[in-house]
Amino acid sequence: MQYRPLGRTGWNVSTVSFGAWAIGGAWGSVEDKDSLAALDRAIDLGVNFIDTADVYGDGRSERLVAEVRRRRSEEIYVATKAGRRLPSQTVEGYTRENLTAFVERSLKNLATEAIDLLQLHCPPTQVYYWPEVFGILDDLVDAGKLRYYGVSVSTPEEGLKALDYPNLQSVQIIYNMFRHRPAEIFLNEAKRRQVSVLARVPLASGLLTGKMRPDTKFESTDHREFNRNGEQFDKGETFSGVDYKTALQAVEELRPLCPPEWTLTQFALRWILMNDGVTCAIPGAKRPEQADDNCAAADLPPLSAQTMAAIRRLYDERIRAEVHYRW
């Protein structure tokens, strides 16, 4: 496992960390025993950073993470998120009362006295222009409820605006082989300001594992079934906003570029880590073998310039028109 600094916290976190959305819900059926085994395996392999949220399974994910951390001796940093429990996403909902209530609930779920890293969970764009909201987060740090805070954003523009807040430590954003735009300006600017970038949806909702087919069936409880057109939340969160058929064709063109001894999962994660403006990728794992596959990417050698250029050409030809100017 490799490690990179997380903002100005003094922490060094695993470049392949653990995204805990899938073990909470909205990814089809998952058994808690399998989720716990996946978390344990990831920690065995050197993962020391876990990303979750209060709405993942209505607290289920947070509670599973707490259970694992309670019985492990390693220092594990846990990031959670707040804001999506609001019945409607308006800037007026981001009040001191609401944010404090969300934090208190997560503190209970995580069985801790202070949240390591709290992230606003893809709030409305207007929130980034309300300094009062970030003042509330500063007060929660001063009160000992949070150690640090960051944001999870939908667009690079939101990320750039969030960098204006001096105590911000991290920005979580979708960055993967099907989402290149963060690398144009945002990643370099975040690095310059010593703000960490957490690459979420690194496998484009599983598309970049190469295991999906045109006839793949998803359960009704899986967002890859019920949110393809943004029915429940932003379309860009599912398959990175790329049309399923188009994405499958692109994956087939990626296969010849992948070194024969690597899996496509490892190839996709190693591509993300080629940019040193990224602190870590946070793929999910519902079973230990998925954690094995993910974590192996951290120690792989760099991709060649020719391979990187070929991936870029594929993006430009197949994917850019669908996503580049939206996210």
Protein backbone atom coordinates (compact mmCIF):
# COMPACT_ATOMS: atom_id res chain seq x y z
CA MET A 1 0.00 0.00 0.00
CA GLN A 2 1.10 3.58 -0.68
CA TYR A 3 0.16 6.68 1.32
CA ARG A 4 -0.31 10.37 0.60
CA PRO A 5 -0.95 13.36 2.88
CA LEU A 6 -4.56 14.35 3.51
CA GLY A 7 -4.71 18.11 3.32
CA ARG A 8 -2.99 19.85 6.20
CA THR A 9 -4.24 17.34 8.78
CA GLY A 10 -0.89 15.61 9.28
CA TRP A 11 -2.50 12.30 8.30
CA ASN A 12 -1.11 10.03 5.61
CA VAL A 13 -3.88 7.96 4.08
CA SER A 14 -3.86 4.93 1.80
CA THR A 15 -3.96 5.80 -1.88
CA VAL A 16 -6.59 3.12 -2.32
CA SER A 17 -9.07 3.61 0.48
CA PHE A 18 -12.57 2.24 1.12
CA GLY A 19 -15.82 3.75 -0.10
CA ALA A 20 -18.64 2.49 2.12
CA TRP A 21 -21.71 3.45 0.08
CA ALA A 22 -22.33 -0.07 -1.24
CA ILE A 23 -22.27 -1.71 2.19
CA GLY A 24 -25.01 0.66 3.33
CA GLY A 25 -27.51 0.40 0.53
CA ALA A 26 -28.62 1.39 -2.99
CA TRP A 27 -26.32 -1.21 -4.58
CA GLY A 28 -28.55 -4.26 -4.33
CA SER A 29 -28.42 -6.95 -1.67
CA VAL A 30 -25.48 -7.13 0.69
CA GLU A 31 -24.95 -9.14 3.87
CA ASP A 32 -23.41 -7.41 6.87
CA LYS A 33 -21.07 -10.35 7.46
CA ASP A 34 -19.69 -9.93 3.95
CA SER A 35 -19.37 -6.17 4.37
CA LEU A 36 -17.48 -6.59 7.63
CA ALA A 37 -15.20 -9.16 6.02
CA ALA A 38 -14.50 -6.75 3.16
CA LEU A 39 -13.66 -3.95 5.57
CA ASP A 40 -11.37 -6.22 7.58
CA ARG A 41 -9.60 -7.42 4.44
CA ALA A 42 -9.03 -3.87 3.25
CA ILE A 43 -7.50 -2.92 6.60
CA ASP A 44 -5.34 -6.05 6.52
CA LEU A 45 -4.00 -4.79 3.18
CA GLY A 46 -3.09 -1.37 4.55
CA VAL A 47 -6.24 0.71 4.05
CA ASN A 48 -6.50 3.30 6.81
CA PHE A 49 -9.19 5.64 5.46
CA ILE A 50 -12.89 4.86 5.09
CA ASP A 51 -15.48 7.14 3.52
CA THR A 52 -19.14 6.79 4.45
CA ALA A 53 -22.25 8.98 4.86
CA ASP A 54 -25.20 9.30 7.19
CA VAL A 55 -27.66 8.41 4.42
CA TYR A 56 -25.93 5.21 3.29
CA GLY A 57 -28.52 2.72 4.45
CA ASP A 58 -29.90 5.33 6.88
CA GLY A 59 -26.87 4.89 9.13
CA ARG A 60 -26.20 1.22 8.40
CA SER A 61 -22.87 1.94 6.74
CA GLU A 62 -21.69 4.18 9.60
CA ARG A 63 -22.58 1.53 12.17
CA LEU A 64 -20.70 -1.19 10.27
CA VAL A 65 -17.63 1.02 10.03
CA ALA A 66 -17.86 1.72 13.76
CA GLU A 67 -18.03 -2.01 14.51
CA VAL A 68 -14.87 -2.70 12.54
CA ARG A 69 -12.94 0.23 13.95
CA ARG A 70 -13.90 -0.72 17.50
CA ARG A 71 -12.21 -4.12 17.25
CA ARG A 72 -9.16 -3.17 15.18
CA SER A 73 -5.94 -1.92 16.73
CA GLU A 74 -4.84 0.08 13.67
CA GLU A 75 -5.50 3.80 13.43
CA ILE A 76 -8.36 4.14 10.98
CA TYR A 77 -9.53 7.57 9.81
CA VAL A 78 -13.24 7.76 9.05
CA ALA A 79 -14.90 10.41 6.94
CA THR A 80 -18.66 10.78 6.84
CA LYS A 81 -21.02 13.21 5.15
CA ALA A 82 -24.01 15.34 6.07
CA GLY A 83 -26.75 17.25 4.30
CA ARG A 84 -28.63 14.70 2.24
CA ARG A 85 -31.04 13.96 5.07
CA LEU A 86 -32.77 17.23 4.30
CA PRO A 87 -36.19 16.61 2.73
CA SER A 88 -35.32 19.10 -0.01
CA GLN A 89 -31.97 20.44 -1.05
CA THR A 90 -32.07 24.19 -0.46
CA VAL A 91 -29.42 26.43 0.98
CA GLU A 92 -31.88 27.44 3.70
CA GLY A 93 -31.74 23.89 5.06
CA TYR A 94 -28.06 24.18 5.96
CA THR A 95 -28.73 25.74 9.34
CA ARG A 96 -26.80 25.41 12.57
CA GLU A 97 -29.65 23.39 14.06
CA ASN A 98 -29.81 20.93 11.16
CA LEU A 99 -26.07 20.47 10.73
CA THR A 100 -25.60 19.98 14.47
CA ALA A 101 -28.36 17.36 14.52
CA PHE A 102 -26.80 15.50 11.60
CA VAL A 103 -23.41 15.53 13.31
CA GLU A 104 -24.83 14.27 16.60
CA ARG A 105 -26.55 11.40 14.82
CA SER A 106 -23.33 10.42 13.03
CA LEU A 107 -21.35 10.63 16.25
CA LYS A 108 -23.74 8.10 17.75
CA ASN A 109 -23.64 5.81 14.69
CA LEU A 110 -19.85 5.96 14.55
CA ALA A 111 -19.53 5.50 18.33
CA THR A 112 -17.03 8.33 18.61
CA GLU A 113 -16.68 11.65 20.38
CA ALA A 114 -15.36 13.49 17.33
CA ILE A 115 -15.79 12.87 13.60
CA ASP A 116 -12.41 12.68 11.88
CA LEU A 117 -13.59 14.37 8.69
CA LEU A 118 -17.10 15.66 8.02
CA GLN A 119 -17.99 16.46 4.41
CA LEU A 120 -20.96 18.42 3.14
CA HIS A 121 -22.71 15.90 0.90
CA CYS A 122 -23.11 17.42 -2.56
CA PRO A 123 -25.07 20.43 -1.31
CA PRO A 124 -26.75 22.95 -3.64
CA THR A 125 -24.25 25.14 -5.47
CA GLN A 126 -25.47 28.20 -3.53
CA VAL A 127 -24.08 26.70 -0.29
CA TYR A 128 -20.55 27.40 -1.50
CA TYR A 129 -21.44 31.09 -1.58
CA TRP A 130 -22.76 31.14 1.98
CA PRO A 131 -19.77 31.64 4.31
CA GLU A 132 -22.13 31.21 7.24
CA VAL A 133 -22.38 27.47 6.51
CA PHE A 134 -18.61 27.04 6.72
CA GLY A 135 -18.62 29.19 9.86
CA ILE A 136 -20.94 26.61 11.43
CA LEU A 137 -18.45 23.87 10.52
CA ASP A 138 -15.65 25.92 12.10
CA ASP A 139 -17.72 26.19 15.28
CA LEU A 140 -18.31 22.42 15.31
CA VAL A 141 -14.54 21.92 15.09
CA ASP A 142 -14.03 24.36 17.96
CA ALA A 143 -16.65 22.46 19.96
CA GLY A 144 -14.73 19.22 19.51
CA LYS A 145 -17.44 17.53 17.43
CA LEU A 146 -15.29 17.47 14.28
CA ARG A 147 -11.56 17.19 13.82
CA TYR A 148 -11.64 18.52 10.25
CA TYR A 149 -14.10 19.14 7.43
CA GLY A 150 -14.35 19.03 3.66
CA VAL A 151 -16.94 18.82 0.91
CA SER A 152 -18.21 16.38 -1.66
CA VAL A 153 -18.98 18.23 -4.88
CA SER A 154 -20.77 17.58 -8.14
CA THR A 155 -18.63 19.80 -10.41
CA PRO A 156 -15.09 21.12 -10.57
CA GLU A 157 -16.51 24.66 -10.35
CA GLU A 158 -18.02 23.87 -6.95
CA GLY A 159 -14.70 22.42 -5.87
CA LEU A 160 -12.82 25.53 -6.92
CA LYS A 161 -15.21 27.73 -4.95
CA ALA A 162 -14.92 25.51 -1.88
CA LEU A 163 -11.14 26.04 -1.92
CA ASP A 164 -11.77 29.64 -0.87
CA TYR A 165 -12.57 28.50 2.68
CA PRO A 166 -9.29 28.47 4.62
CA ASN A 167 -10.07 25.55 6.94
CA LEU A 168 -11.25 23.19 4.20
CA GLN A 169 -9.11 20.03 4.14
CA SER A 170 -10.60 17.93 1.37
CA VAL A 171 -12.77 17.88 -1.72
CA GLN A 172 -14.41 14.69 -2.92
CA ILE A 173 -15.22 14.61 -6.63
CA ILE A 174 -15.96 12.06 -9.35
CA TYR A 175 -12.72 11.45 -11.23
CA ASN A 176 -12.16 8.36 -13.34
CA MET A 177 -11.42 7.20 -16.89
CA PHE A 178 -14.88 8.48 -17.89
CA ARG A 179 -14.52 11.81 -16.06
CA HIS A 180 -11.43 13.79 -17.02
CA ARG A 181 -12.41 17.41 -16.47
CA PRO A 182 -11.26 17.72 -12.82
CA ALA A 183 -7.69 17.34 -14.11
CA GLU A 184 -7.91 20.44 -16.31
CA ILE A 185 -7.72 23.05 -13.54
CA PHE A 186 -9.18 21.80 -10.30
CA LEU A 187 -6.69 19.09 -9.28
CA ASN A 188 -3.69 21.36 -9.72
CA GLU A 189 -5.33 24.19 -7.80
CA ALA A 190 -6.30 21.90 -4.92
CA LYS A 191 -2.73 20.60 -4.77
CA ARG A 192 -1.37 24.14 -4.75
CA ARG A 193 -3.57 24.99 -1.78
CA GLN A 194 -2.74 21.74 0.06
CA VAL A 195 -6.33 20.50 -0.08
CA SER A 196 -6.80 16.78 -0.58
CA VAL A 197 -8.84 15.31 -3.41
CA LEU A 198 -10.77 12.09 -2.83
CA ALA A 199 -11.67 10.43 -6.12
CA ARG A 200 -15.15 8.99 -5.73
CA VAL A 201 -17.03 6.70 -8.15
CA PRO A 202 -13.58 5.63 -9.38
CA LEU A 203 -14.94 2.61 -11.25
CA ALA A 204 -17.92 4.42 -12.81
CA SER A 205 -20.42 2.39 -10.76
CA GLY A 206 -18.66 -0.83 -11.68
CA LEU A 207 -18.50 -0.26 -15.44
CA LEU A 208 -14.72 -0.01 -15.35
CA THR A 209 -14.38 -3.44 -13.75
CA GLY A 210 -15.23 -4.86 -17.18
CA LYS A 211 -17.70 -7.30 -15.62
CA MET A 212 -20.91 -5.81 -17.00
CA ARG A 213 -22.67 -6.82 -20.18
CA PRO A 214 -25.64 -5.47 -22.17
CA ASP A 215 -27.89 -8.03 -20.47
CA THR A 216 -26.59 -7.53 -16.92
CA LYS A 217 -29.51 -7.38 -14.49
CA PHE A 218 -29.57 -5.08 -11.47
CA GLU A 219 -31.84 -5.40 -8.47
CA SER A 220 -34.63 -2.89 -8.00
CA THR A 221 -32.80 -1.55 -4.93
CA ASP A 222 -29.66 -0.82 -6.96
CA HIS A 223 -29.21 2.76 -8.16
CA ARG A 224 -27.81 1.36 -11.40
CA GLU A 225 -31.35 0.20 -12.07
CA PHE A 226 -33.44 3.06 -10.65
CA ASN A 227 -31.29 6.16 -11.25
CA ARG A 228 -29.88 5.85 -14.77
CA ASN A 229 -31.67 9.02 -15.83
CA GLY A 230 -31.35 10.86 -12.53
CA GLU A 231 -34.73 9.77 -11.17
CA GLN A 232 -33.62 9.86 -7.50
CA PHE A 233 -30.45 11.97 -7.47
CA ASP A 234 -27.95 13.47 -9.89
CA LYS A 235 -27.62 11.33 -13.01
CA GLY A 236 -23.87 11.81 -12.89
CA GLU A 237 -23.62 9.63 -9.78
CA THR A 238 -24.73 6.54 -11.75
CA PHE A 239 -22.30 5.21 -14.38
CA SER A 240 -20.65 8.66 -14.17
CA GLY A 241 -23.51 9.99 -16.30
CA VAL A 242 -22.46 7.98 -19.36
CA ASP A 243 -25.04 6.10 -21.43
CA TYR A 244 -24.78 2.42 -20.48
CA LYS A 245 -24.40 1.09 -24.03
CA THR A 246 -21.84 3.74 -24.94
CA ALA A 247 -19.86 2.99 -21.80
CA LEU A 248 -19.78 -0.75 -22.47
CA GLN A 249 -18.38 -0.11 -25.93
CA ALA A 250 -15.71 2.15 -24.45
CA VAL A 251 -14.76 -0.50 -21.90
CA GLU A 252 -14.19 -3.01 -24.70
CA GLU A 253 -11.78 -0.54 -26.30
CA LEU A 254 -9.97 -0.16 -22.98
CA ARG A 255 -9.31 -3.89 -22.62
CA PRO A 256 -6.39 -4.07 -25.09
CA LEU A 257 -4.69 -1.19 -23.28
CA CYS A 258 -4.71 -2.98 -19.93
CA PRO A 259 -1.51 -4.88 -19.05
CA PRO A 260 -2.32 -8.60 -19.29
CA GLU A 261 -1.41 -9.33 -15.67
CA TRP A 262 -3.71 -6.60 -14.33
CA THR A 263 -7.47 -6.57 -13.91
CA LEU A 264 -9.46 -3.75 -15.47
CA THR A 265 -10.32 -2.61 -11.93
CA GLN A 266 -6.64 -2.21 -11.13
CA PHE A 267 -6.04 -0.47 -14.46
CA ALA A 268 -8.79 2.07 -13.75
CA LEU A 269 -7.58 2.78 -10.22
CA ARG A 270 -3.93 3.07 -11.28
CA TRP A 271 -4.96 5.61 -13.93
CA ILE A 272 -6.50 7.80 -11.21
CA LEU A 273 -3.37 7.59 -9.05
CA MET A 274 -1.19 8.73 -11.94
CA ASN A 275 -2.26 12.27 -11.01
CA ASP A 276 -0.45 13.35 -7.85
CA GLY A 277 -3.19 15.90 -7.23
CA VAL A 278 -5.33 12.97 -6.07
CA THR A 279 -4.87 11.84 -2.49
CA CYS A 280 -6.80 8.60 -2.77
CA ALA A 281 -9.40 6.70 -4.73
CA ILE A 282 -12.30 5.32 -2.72
CA PRO A 283 -13.71 2.24 -4.49
CA GLY A 284 -16.33 0.19 -2.73
CA ALA A 285 -16.17 -3.49 -1.82
CA LYS A 286 -18.99 -5.75 -0.72
CA ARG A 287 -16.80 -8.85 -0.46
CA PRO A 288 -13.15 -9.50 0.57
CA GLU A 289 -12.07 -10.47 -2.94
CA GLN A 290 -13.18 -7.07 -4.22
CA ALA A 291 -11.00 -5.43 -1.57
CA ASP A 292 -8.08 -7.60 -2.76
CA ASP A 293 -8.60 -6.45 -6.35
CA ASN A 294 -8.88 -2.80 -5.39
CA CYS A 295 -5.92 -2.64 -3.05
CA ALA A 296 -3.53 -4.33 -5.47
CA ALA A 297 -3.71 -1.21 -7.65
CA ALA A 298 -1.80 0.89 -5.12
CA ASP A 299 1.53 -0.86 -5.71
CA LEU A 300 1.39 -1.21 -9.48
CA PRO A 301 3.98 0.57 -11.65
CA PRO A 302 3.07 3.77 -13.51
CA LEU A 303 1.24 3.63 -16.81
CA SER A 304 3.24 4.58 -19.88
CA ALA A 305 2.80 7.91 -21.65
CA GLN A 306 1.51 6.01 -24.68
CA THR A 307 -1.16 4.27 -22.62
CA MET A 308 -2.22 7.51 -20.95
CA ALA A 309 -2.51 9.16 -24.37
CA ALA A 310 -4.58 6.27 -25.72
CA ILE A 311 -7.00 6.51 -22.79
CA ARG A 312 -7.33 10.22 -23.42
CA ARG A 313 -8.10 9.65 -27.10
CA LEU A 314 -10.76 7.12 -26.20
CA TYR A 315 -12.32 9.58 -23.77
CA ASP A 316 -12.31 12.33 -26.38
CA GLU A 317 -13.87 10.12 -29.03
CA ARG A 318 -16.39 8.13 -26.98
CA ILE A 319 -17.19 9.89 -23.72
CA ARG A 320 -16.40 13.61 -23.77
CA ALA A 321 -19.57 14.74 -25.53
CA GLU A 322 -21.78 13.09 -22.89
CA VAL A 323 -20.16 14.36 -19.71
CA HIS A 324 -17.42 16.89 -20.15
CA TYR A 325 -19.44 20.07 -20.06
CA ARG A 326 -21.95 18.89 -17.47
CA TRP A 327 -19.64 17.74 -14.70
